[in-house]
Structure formats: structure tokens, C-alpha cells
Amino acid sequence: MTQMIFVNLPVKDLETSKSFWSKLGYSFNPQFSDESTACLVISDTIFAMLMTEPRFLEFTKPGKEIADATKTTEVLLALNCDSREKVDELADAALAGGGSPAKEPQDHGFMYGRSFTDPDGHHWELVWMDPSAVQG
């Protein structure tokens, strides 16, 4: 079986989060979604479980607080892209759809990246690397 990753992220407003990710062209798996959780399909093996904060707390240790990602860095989520153009397409869609820039674009020639925060403040990195640079 292919190994998969399911990143669980707390969100303040599930419909706002679903709308944001839909604007970037992503879909949701209804089999793993309900009124408090939406399974964001990033690829065949990468999923983000967007959970309302009360639902998210059901999976954590009692009494443990949810980090406010608008005030503190909890995690950096990095996704590779097939091209520089795809990096720009997704980053532009994120900013137009309600996200905010996280930092300045990074262009190292063989590697290019942009970043944004989603409506809940989660920090996402979009990166393209020249395949020939990766191979050698």
C-alpha cells in the first residue's frame, strides 16, 4: 500500500476554509467529510483534514490549547509544484481567494518558491525545483 499523509488542521470556519481551497482548484472527499470536517484532496497521497476547532480538540490531549496560527508559527506546510508557473498560479489564487503573503518569493534559479497563509493563518510554501538540479 502506498503511504499517505493526512495533515489535521484546526479551522475557525469550515465553510470559509472550503471556499478558499476550492478557489485554488482543490476538491474534497465527501466520504471523509461531514459538518465539522472536510477532507481536502491535495493529491492521490496527500490530504488535509480541515476540522472545526471543537472537532480538532477531540483528537488532542484534554486541556491542550489550539495554537493561534495568526500569532505563532505552528508548522510550515510545503507542497512541490510541477513548474514555476504553477507556483505563481496557486500563490496568486491563494492571495486572491483570501490568503495573505507569508514572505517574499524566493528565486534561486534552480529553485523557486512562494508562500501564503490561509484564512486561519496556516503557513503554506509552494516550491518548484529544476529536475536536473535534483538529479545531480
N, C-alpha and C. Protein backbone atom coordinates (compact mmCIF):
# COMPACT_ATOMS: atom_id res chain seq x y z
N MET A 1 0.84 -1.18 0.00
CA MET A 1 0.00 0.00 0.00
C MET A 1 0.88 1.25 0.00
N THR A 2 0.52 2.22 -0.81
CA THR A 2 1.24 3.48 -0.86
C THR A 2 1.03 4.25 0.43
N GLN A 3 2.10 4.80 0.98
CA GLN A 3 1.97 5.58 2.20
C GLN A 3 1.34 6.92 1.88
N MET A 4 0.43 7.34 2.73
CA MET A 4 -0.26 8.62 2.55
C MET A 4 -0.01 9.49 3.77
N ILE A 5 -0.34 10.77 3.61
CA ILE A 5 -0.28 11.67 4.75
C ILE A 5 -1.62 12.40 4.87
N PHE A 6 -2.10 12.47 6.09
CA PHE A 6 -3.32 13.21 6.42
C PHE A 6 -2.92 14.25 7.46
N VAL A 7 -2.79 15.49 7.04
CA VAL A 7 -2.45 16.57 7.95
C VAL A 7 -3.76 17.09 8.53
N ASN A 8 -3.85 17.15 9.84
CA ASN A 8 -5.06 17.63 10.51
C ASN A 8 -4.85 19.08 10.93
N LEU A 9 -5.74 19.96 10.47
CA LEU A 9 -5.61 21.38 10.75
C LEU A 9 -6.90 21.93 11.35
N PRO A 10 -6.79 22.68 12.46
CA PRO A 10 -7.98 23.32 13.01
C PRO A 10 -8.35 24.55 12.20
N VAL A 11 -9.65 24.76 12.01
CA VAL A 11 -10.13 25.95 11.30
C VAL A 11 -11.25 26.59 12.10
N LYS A 12 -11.34 27.89 12.00
CA LYS A 12 -12.37 28.62 12.72
C LYS A 12 -13.73 28.50 12.03
N ASP A 13 -13.73 28.55 10.70
CA ASP A 13 -14.98 28.49 9.94
C ASP A 13 -14.78 27.53 8.77
N LEU A 14 -15.40 26.37 8.85
CA LEU A 14 -15.20 25.32 7.86
C LEU A 14 -15.61 25.76 6.46
N GLU A 15 -16.72 26.47 6.34
CA GLU A 15 -17.18 26.90 5.01
C GLU A 15 -16.22 27.90 4.39
N THR A 16 -15.64 28.80 5.19
CA THR A 16 -14.65 29.74 4.69
C THR A 16 -13.43 28.98 4.18
N SER A 17 -12.97 28.00 4.93
CA SER A 17 -11.82 27.20 4.51
C SER A 17 -12.11 26.42 3.24
N LYS A 18 -13.28 25.81 3.16
CA LYS A 18 -13.64 25.06 1.96
C LYS A 18 -13.71 25.98 0.74
N SER A 19 -14.27 27.14 0.90
CA SER A 19 -14.36 28.10 -0.19
C SER A 19 -12.97 28.53 -0.64
N PHE A 20 -12.08 28.81 0.31
CA PHE A 20 -10.71 29.21 0.00
C PHE A 20 -10.02 28.15 -0.85
N TRP A 21 -10.02 26.91 -0.40
CA TRP A 21 -9.31 25.84 -1.11
C TRP A 21 -9.96 25.52 -2.45
N SER A 22 -11.26 25.67 -2.54
CA SER A 22 -11.94 25.46 -3.83
C SER A 22 -11.48 26.49 -4.85
N LYS A 23 -11.22 27.71 -4.41
CA LYS A 23 -10.74 28.76 -5.31
C LYS A 23 -9.34 28.45 -5.85
N LEU A 24 -8.61 27.61 -5.17
CA LEU A 24 -7.29 27.19 -5.65
C LEU A 24 -7.39 25.97 -6.56
N GLY A 25 -8.60 25.47 -6.77
CA GLY A 25 -8.81 24.35 -7.67
C GLY A 25 -8.81 22.98 -7.01
N TYR A 26 -8.78 22.94 -5.69
CA TYR A 26 -8.77 21.66 -4.97
C TYR A 26 -10.18 21.17 -4.71
N SER A 27 -10.31 19.88 -4.47
CA SER A 27 -11.61 19.29 -4.19
C SER A 27 -11.59 18.64 -2.81
N PHE A 28 -12.74 18.12 -2.41
CA PHE A 28 -12.91 17.49 -1.11
C PHE A 28 -13.49 16.10 -1.29
N ASN A 29 -13.04 15.18 -0.45
CA ASN A 29 -13.56 13.82 -0.49
C ASN A 29 -14.76 13.75 0.46
N PRO A 30 -15.98 13.62 -0.09
CA PRO A 30 -17.16 13.62 0.77
C PRO A 30 -17.23 12.41 1.70
N GLN A 31 -16.54 11.32 1.34
CA GLN A 31 -16.55 10.12 2.17
C GLN A 31 -15.94 10.39 3.54
N PHE A 32 -15.00 11.34 3.61
CA PHE A 32 -14.32 11.66 4.87
C PHE A 32 -14.62 13.08 5.32
N SER A 33 -15.77 13.59 4.94
CA SER A 33 -16.19 14.95 5.31
C SER A 33 -17.56 14.90 5.95
N ASP A 34 -17.81 15.84 6.84
CA ASP A 34 -19.14 15.99 7.45
C ASP A 34 -19.31 17.45 7.85
N GLU A 35 -20.22 17.74 8.75
CA GLU A 35 -20.48 19.13 9.11
C GLU A 35 -19.36 19.78 9.91
N SER A 36 -18.42 18.96 10.43
CA SER A 36 -17.32 19.53 11.22
C SER A 36 -15.93 19.25 10.63
N THR A 37 -15.88 18.50 9.54
CA THR A 37 -14.60 18.12 8.93
C THR A 37 -14.73 18.09 7.42
N ALA A 38 -13.70 18.58 6.74
CA ALA A 38 -13.64 18.49 5.29
C ALA A 38 -12.30 17.89 4.90
N CYS A 39 -12.33 16.83 4.10
CA CYS A 39 -11.11 16.17 3.66
C CYS A 39 -10.65 16.80 2.36
N LEU A 40 -9.68 17.70 2.46
CA LEU A 40 -9.10 18.39 1.31
C LEU A 40 -8.16 17.43 0.57
N VAL A 41 -8.43 17.23 -0.71
CA VAL A 41 -7.61 16.34 -1.53
C VAL A 41 -6.54 17.18 -2.22
N ILE A 42 -5.30 17.02 -1.80
CA ILE A 42 -4.19 17.76 -2.40
C ILE A 42 -3.58 16.94 -3.54
N SER A 43 -3.48 15.63 -3.34
CA SER A 43 -3.01 14.71 -4.38
C SER A 43 -3.56 13.32 -4.04
N ASP A 44 -3.12 12.33 -4.79
CA ASP A 44 -3.57 10.96 -4.52
C ASP A 44 -3.09 10.44 -3.17
N THR A 45 -2.07 11.07 -2.62
CA THR A 45 -1.50 10.58 -1.36
C THR A 45 -1.40 11.65 -0.27
N ILE A 46 -1.85 12.86 -0.56
CA ILE A 46 -1.74 13.96 0.41
C ILE A 46 -3.13 14.55 0.65
N PHE A 47 -3.51 14.61 1.92
CA PHE A 47 -4.82 15.13 2.30
C PHE A 47 -4.67 16.04 3.51
N ALA A 48 -5.51 17.05 3.59
CA ALA A 48 -5.57 17.88 4.79
C ALA A 48 -6.97 17.75 5.36
N MET A 49 -7.04 17.32 6.57
CA MET A 49 -8.32 17.21 7.26
C MET A 49 -8.56 18.56 7.95
N LEU A 50 -9.45 19.34 7.35
CA LEU A 50 -9.79 20.64 7.92
C LEU A 50 -10.90 20.40 8.93
N MET A 51 -10.64 20.71 10.19
CA MET A 51 -11.58 20.42 11.26
C MET A 51 -11.96 21.68 12.01
N THR A 52 -13.23 21.81 12.32
CA THR A 52 -13.62 22.91 13.20
C THR A 52 -12.83 22.75 14.50
N GLU A 53 -12.59 23.85 15.17
CA GLU A 53 -11.78 23.77 16.38
C GLU A 53 -12.36 22.80 17.42
N PRO A 54 -13.69 22.80 17.67
CA PRO A 54 -14.21 21.81 18.63
C PRO A 54 -13.94 20.37 18.20
N ARG A 55 -14.05 20.09 16.92
CA ARG A 55 -13.78 18.73 16.42
C ARG A 55 -12.30 18.40 16.57
N PHE A 56 -11.44 19.34 16.23
CA PHE A 56 -9.99 19.14 16.35
C PHE A 56 -9.61 18.81 17.79
N LEU A 57 -10.21 19.49 18.74
CA LEU A 57 -9.90 19.26 20.16
C LEU A 57 -10.24 17.85 20.61
N GLU A 58 -11.15 17.19 19.91
CA GLU A 58 -11.49 15.80 20.25
C GLU A 58 -10.32 14.85 20.01
N PHE A 59 -9.33 15.29 19.22
CA PHE A 59 -8.19 14.45 18.88
C PHE A 59 -6.93 14.81 19.66
N THR A 60 -7.03 15.79 20.55
CA THR A 60 -5.85 16.22 21.30
C THR A 60 -6.00 15.86 22.78
N LYS A 61 -4.93 16.05 23.49
CA LYS A 61 -4.92 15.80 24.93
C LYS A 61 -5.85 16.80 25.62
N PRO A 62 -6.69 16.34 26.53
CA PRO A 62 -7.59 17.27 27.24
C PRO A 62 -6.81 18.42 27.89
N GLY A 63 -7.35 19.62 27.72
CA GLY A 63 -6.75 20.81 28.31
C GLY A 63 -5.68 21.46 27.44
N LYS A 64 -5.29 20.80 26.37
CA LYS A 64 -4.27 21.37 25.49
C LYS A 64 -4.93 22.37 24.55
N GLU A 65 -4.32 23.54 24.43
CA GLU A 65 -4.89 24.60 23.60
C GLU A 65 -4.49 24.44 22.15
N ILE A 66 -5.32 24.99 21.27
CA ILE A 66 -5.00 25.06 19.85
C ILE A 66 -4.15 26.30 19.63
N ALA A 67 -3.06 26.14 18.89
CA ALA A 67 -2.21 27.28 18.57
C ALA A 67 -2.97 28.25 17.67
N ASP A 68 -2.82 29.53 17.94
CA ASP A 68 -3.40 30.55 17.06
C ASP A 68 -2.37 30.83 15.98
N ALA A 69 -2.59 30.24 14.80
CA ALA A 69 -1.61 30.33 13.71
C ALA A 69 -1.46 31.74 13.17
N THR A 70 -2.35 32.65 13.55
CA THR A 70 -2.18 34.05 13.12
C THR A 70 -1.18 34.78 14.01
N LYS A 71 -0.82 34.15 15.16
CA LYS A 71 0.09 34.79 16.10
C LYS A 71 1.37 34.01 16.34
N THR A 72 1.37 32.73 16.01
CA THR A 72 2.54 31.89 16.25
C THR A 72 2.69 30.91 15.09
N THR A 73 3.91 30.49 14.84
CA THR A 73 4.13 29.51 13.77
C THR A 73 4.02 28.12 14.36
N GLU A 74 3.07 27.37 13.88
CA GLU A 74 2.86 26.02 14.37
C GLU A 74 3.55 25.00 13.48
N VAL A 75 3.55 25.28 12.16
CA VAL A 75 4.11 24.34 11.19
C VAL A 75 4.25 25.07 9.85
N LEU A 76 5.19 24.63 9.03
CA LEU A 76 5.30 25.10 7.65
C LEU A 76 4.91 23.92 6.77
N LEU A 77 3.92 24.11 5.93
CA LEU A 77 3.44 23.06 5.05
C LEU A 77 3.94 23.36 3.65
N ALA A 78 4.79 22.50 3.11
CA ALA A 78 5.40 22.74 1.81
C ALA A 78 4.87 21.75 0.78
N LEU A 79 4.48 22.28 -0.37
CA LEU A 79 4.00 21.47 -1.49
C LEU A 79 4.86 21.74 -2.70
N ASN A 80 5.28 20.67 -3.37
CA ASN A 80 6.03 20.88 -4.60
C ASN A 80 5.06 21.12 -5.75
N CYS A 81 5.52 21.85 -6.74
CA CYS A 81 4.74 22.15 -7.93
C CYS A 81 5.52 21.73 -9.17
N ASP A 82 4.80 21.46 -10.26
CA ASP A 82 5.43 20.97 -11.48
C ASP A 82 6.20 22.04 -12.24
N SER A 83 5.92 23.31 -11.96
CA SER A 83 6.57 24.39 -12.72
C SER A 83 6.54 25.69 -11.91
N ARG A 84 7.36 26.62 -12.35
CA ARG A 84 7.33 27.98 -11.76
C ARG A 84 5.95 28.59 -11.96
N GLU A 85 5.39 28.34 -13.15
CA GLU A 85 4.07 28.90 -13.47
C GLU A 85 3.00 28.37 -12.52
N LYS A 86 3.09 27.09 -12.16
CA LYS A 86 2.12 26.50 -11.23
C LYS A 86 2.27 27.12 -9.85
N VAL A 87 3.51 27.39 -9.43
CA VAL A 87 3.75 28.08 -8.16
C VAL A 87 3.01 29.42 -8.17
N ASP A 88 3.22 30.19 -9.25
CA ASP A 88 2.58 31.50 -9.34
C ASP A 88 1.07 31.39 -9.42
N GLU A 89 0.58 30.43 -10.19
CA GLU A 89 -0.87 30.24 -10.33
C GLU A 89 -1.53 29.97 -8.98
N LEU A 90 -0.97 29.04 -8.21
CA LEU A 90 -1.55 28.70 -6.91
C LEU A 90 -1.39 29.84 -5.90
N ALA A 91 -0.22 30.47 -5.88
CA ALA A 91 0.01 31.57 -4.93
C ALA A 91 -0.91 32.75 -5.25
N ASP A 92 -1.04 33.08 -6.53
CA ASP A 92 -1.93 34.17 -6.92
C ASP A 92 -3.39 33.86 -6.55
N ALA A 93 -3.80 32.61 -6.78
CA ALA A 93 -5.17 32.20 -6.42
C ALA A 93 -5.38 32.27 -4.92
N ALA A 94 -4.36 31.88 -4.15
CA ALA A 94 -4.47 31.93 -2.69
C ALA A 94 -4.63 33.37 -2.21
N LEU A 95 -3.84 34.28 -2.77
CA LEU A 95 -3.92 35.68 -2.36
C LEU A 95 -5.25 36.30 -2.79
N ALA A 96 -5.71 35.96 -3.99
CA ALA A 96 -7.00 36.48 -4.47
C ALA A 96 -8.17 35.88 -3.72
N GLY A 97 -7.99 34.67 -3.17
CA GLY A 97 -9.07 33.97 -2.51
C GLY A 97 -9.19 34.20 -1.02
N GLY A 98 -8.37 35.08 -0.47
CA GLY A 98 -8.49 35.38 0.96
C GLY A 98 -7.26 35.05 1.78
N GLY A 99 -6.21 34.54 1.14
CA GLY A 99 -4.97 34.27 1.85
C GLY A 99 -4.13 35.53 1.95
N SER A 100 -3.03 35.44 2.67
CA SER A 100 -2.11 36.57 2.82
C SER A 100 -0.70 36.11 2.49
N PRO A 101 0.14 37.03 1.98
CA PRO A 101 1.53 36.63 1.72
C PRO A 101 2.22 36.28 3.03
N ALA A 102 3.02 35.21 3.03
CA ALA A 102 3.75 34.82 4.24
C ALA A 102 5.15 35.41 4.25
N LYS A 103 5.78 35.46 3.09
CA LYS A 103 7.10 36.07 2.97
C LYS A 103 7.35 36.36 1.49
N GLU A 104 8.47 36.97 1.20
CA GLU A 104 8.80 37.33 -0.18
C GLU A 104 9.08 36.09 -1.01
N PRO A 105 8.79 36.13 -2.32
CA PRO A 105 9.15 35.00 -3.19
C PRO A 105 10.65 34.72 -3.13
N GLN A 106 11.02 33.47 -3.29
CA GLN A 106 12.42 33.04 -3.28
C GLN A 106 12.77 32.50 -4.66
N ASP A 107 13.77 33.07 -5.32
CA ASP A 107 14.17 32.61 -6.64
C ASP A 107 15.68 32.35 -6.63
N HIS A 108 16.03 31.07 -6.68
CA HIS A 108 17.44 30.67 -6.68
C HIS A 108 17.83 30.10 -8.05
N GLY A 109 17.03 30.37 -9.07
CA GLY A 109 17.31 29.85 -10.40
C GLY A 109 16.83 28.42 -10.56
N PHE A 110 17.49 27.48 -9.88
CA PHE A 110 17.10 26.07 -9.94
C PHE A 110 15.92 25.75 -9.02
N MET A 111 15.60 26.70 -8.13
CA MET A 111 14.50 26.51 -7.18
C MET A 111 13.75 27.83 -7.04
N TYR A 112 12.42 27.73 -7.06
CA TYR A 112 11.58 28.91 -6.98
C TYR A 112 10.43 28.63 -6.03
N GLY A 113 10.11 29.58 -5.19
CA GLY A 113 9.04 29.35 -4.24
C GLY A 113 8.32 30.62 -3.82
N ARG A 114 7.07 30.43 -3.49
CA ARG A 114 6.26 31.50 -2.90
C ARG A 114 5.49 30.90 -1.74
N SER A 115 5.02 31.76 -0.86
CA SER A 115 4.31 31.27 0.32
C SER A 115 3.11 32.15 0.62
N PHE A 116 2.19 31.57 1.36
CA PHE A 116 1.00 32.29 1.78
C PHE A 116 0.48 31.69 3.07
N THR A 117 -0.35 32.45 3.75
CA THR A 117 -1.09 31.89 4.89
C THR A 117 -2.55 31.81 4.46
N ASP A 118 -3.19 30.73 4.88
CA ASP A 118 -4.61 30.55 4.57
C ASP A 118 -5.45 31.40 5.53
N PRO A 119 -6.77 31.41 5.41
CA PRO A 119 -7.58 32.27 6.29
C PRO A 119 -7.40 32.01 7.79
N ASP A 120 -6.91 30.83 8.16
CA ASP A 120 -6.68 30.53 9.57
C ASP A 120 -5.24 30.79 10.01
N GLY A 121 -4.41 31.27 9.09
CA GLY A 121 -3.03 31.60 9.43
C GLY A 121 -2.04 30.46 9.23
N HIS A 122 -2.48 29.31 8.73
CA HIS A 122 -1.56 28.20 8.46
C HIS A 122 -0.63 28.61 7.32
N HIS A 123 0.66 28.38 7.49
CA HIS A 123 1.69 28.81 6.55
C HIS A 123 1.96 27.72 5.52
N TRP A 124 1.73 28.05 4.24
CA TRP A 124 1.93 27.12 3.12
C TRP A 124 3.04 27.62 2.22
N GLU A 125 3.93 26.72 1.83
CA GLU A 125 5.02 27.01 0.90
C GLU A 125 4.76 26.26 -0.40
N LEU A 126 4.93 26.93 -1.53
CA LEU A 126 4.81 26.31 -2.85
C LEU A 126 6.18 26.38 -3.49
N VAL A 127 6.72 25.24 -3.92
CA VAL A 127 8.09 25.19 -4.39
C VAL A 127 8.20 24.40 -5.69
N TRP A 128 8.97 24.96 -6.62
CA TRP A 128 9.37 24.24 -7.83
C TRP A 128 10.88 24.11 -7.80
N MET A 129 11.38 22.90 -8.14
CA MET A 129 12.82 22.70 -8.28
C MET A 129 13.09 22.10 -9.65
N ASP A 130 14.12 22.60 -10.32
CA ASP A 130 14.53 22.10 -11.62
C ASP A 130 14.92 20.63 -11.46
N PRO A 131 14.25 19.74 -12.20
CA PRO A 131 14.54 18.30 -12.05
C PRO A 131 16.02 17.96 -12.30
N SER A 132 16.68 18.68 -13.21
CA SER A 132 18.09 18.38 -13.46
C SER A 132 18.96 18.74 -12.27
N ALA A 133 18.57 19.75 -11.49
CA ALA A 133 19.32 20.13 -10.30
C ALA A 133 19.13 19.09 -9.19
N VAL A 134 17.95 18.49 -9.15
CA VAL A 134 17.68 17.47 -8.13
C VAL A 134 18.47 16.20 -8.42
N GLN A 135 18.62 15.87 -9.71
CA GLN A 135 19.31 14.64 -10.10
C GLN A 135 20.82 14.74 -9.93
N GLY A 136 21.38 15.93 -9.98
CA GLY A 136 22.83 15.95 -9.94
C GLY A 136 23.41 17.09 -9.23
